[in-house]
């Protein structure tokens, strides 16, 4: 076995859960700047109401989503 490599059956036996997706579905990475920018652009007002922010911060950021 190569160092740093784990057998698939070892990894699979330790999964918390498995996702089965039958068709393509969009995902959002809340740590990606592009995702935050898109959320601000398309849902800014709704996000501001849902995730109240400090008035000195001009846009919704990752920290407003993750606490």
Protein backbone atom coordinates (compact mmCIF):
# COMPACT_ATOMS: atom_id res chain seq x y z
CA UNK A 1 0.00 0.00 0.00
CA UNK A 2 1.30 3.46 -0.92
CA UNK A 3 1.75 5.83 2.07
CA UNK A 4 -1.19 8.23 2.38
CA UNK A 5 -3.53 5.92 0.48
CA UNK A 6 -6.41 4.13 2.16
CA UNK A 7 -8.37 1.27 0.61
CA UNK A 8 -11.84 2.24 -0.66
CA UNK A 9 -13.56 -0.36 1.52
CA UNK A 10 -11.90 1.18 4.62
CA UNK A 11 -13.06 4.71 3.65
CA UNK A 12 -16.56 3.54 2.66
CA UNK A 13 -16.98 1.70 5.94
CA UNK A 14 -16.47 4.97 7.80
CA UNK A 15 -18.80 7.18 5.79
CA UNK A 16 -21.41 9.06 7.79
CA UNK A 17 -23.90 8.85 4.93
CA UNK A 18 -24.09 8.43 1.19
CA UNK A 19 -25.78 10.83 -1.22
CA UNK A 20 -27.49 9.51 -4.31
CA UNK A 21 -28.30 12.24 -6.80
CA UNK A 22 -30.37 11.14 -9.79
CA UNK A 23 -29.96 14.28 -11.88
CA UNK A 24 -27.60 17.25 -12.03
CA UNK A 25 -28.24 19.65 -9.16
CA UNK A 26 -26.58 23.00 -8.49
CA UNK A 27 -24.54 23.24 -5.29
CA UNK A 28 -23.30 26.29 -3.42
CA UNK A 29 -19.92 26.40 -1.72
CA UNK A 30 -20.37 29.00 1.02
CA UNK A 31 -16.61 29.29 1.38
CA UNK A 32 -16.10 30.32 -2.28
CA UNK A 33 -15.96 34.03 -3.07
CA UNK A 34 -17.88 33.43 -6.31
CA UNK A 35 -20.78 31.85 -4.42
CA UNK A 36 -20.97 34.70 -1.90
CA UNK A 37 -20.86 37.27 -4.71
CA UNK A 38 -23.66 35.48 -6.57
CA UNK A 39 -25.79 35.21 -3.42
CA UNK A 40 -25.31 38.92 -2.73
CA UNK A 41 -26.15 39.82 -6.31
CA UNK A 42 -29.31 37.70 -6.60
CA UNK A 43 -30.59 37.39 -3.04
CA UNK A 44 -28.97 40.26 -1.16
CA UNK A 45 -32.13 41.78 0.34
CA UNK A 46 -33.56 38.41 1.36
CA UNK A 47 -30.23 37.35 2.89
CA UNK A 48 -29.99 40.60 4.82
CA UNK A 49 -33.40 39.97 6.37
CA UNK A 50 -32.63 36.32 7.13
CA UNK A 51 -29.07 36.84 8.40
CA UNK A 52 -28.99 40.21 10.20
CA UNK A 53 -25.56 41.74 9.97
CA UNK A 54 -23.41 44.34 11.53
CA UNK A 55 -24.27 47.68 9.82
CA UNK A 56 -20.57 48.38 9.25
CA UNK A 57 -20.29 45.31 6.97
CA UNK A 58 -21.55 46.30 3.49
CA UNK A 59 -22.35 42.80 2.13
CA UNK A 60 -23.28 39.36 3.34
CA UNK A 61 -20.10 37.37 4.02
CA UNK A 62 -19.21 33.80 4.91
CA UNK A 63 -19.16 34.74 8.59
CA UNK A 64 -22.81 35.90 8.46
CA UNK A 65 -23.78 32.45 7.13
CA UNK A 66 -21.63 30.34 9.42
CA UNK A 67 -21.77 32.40 12.61
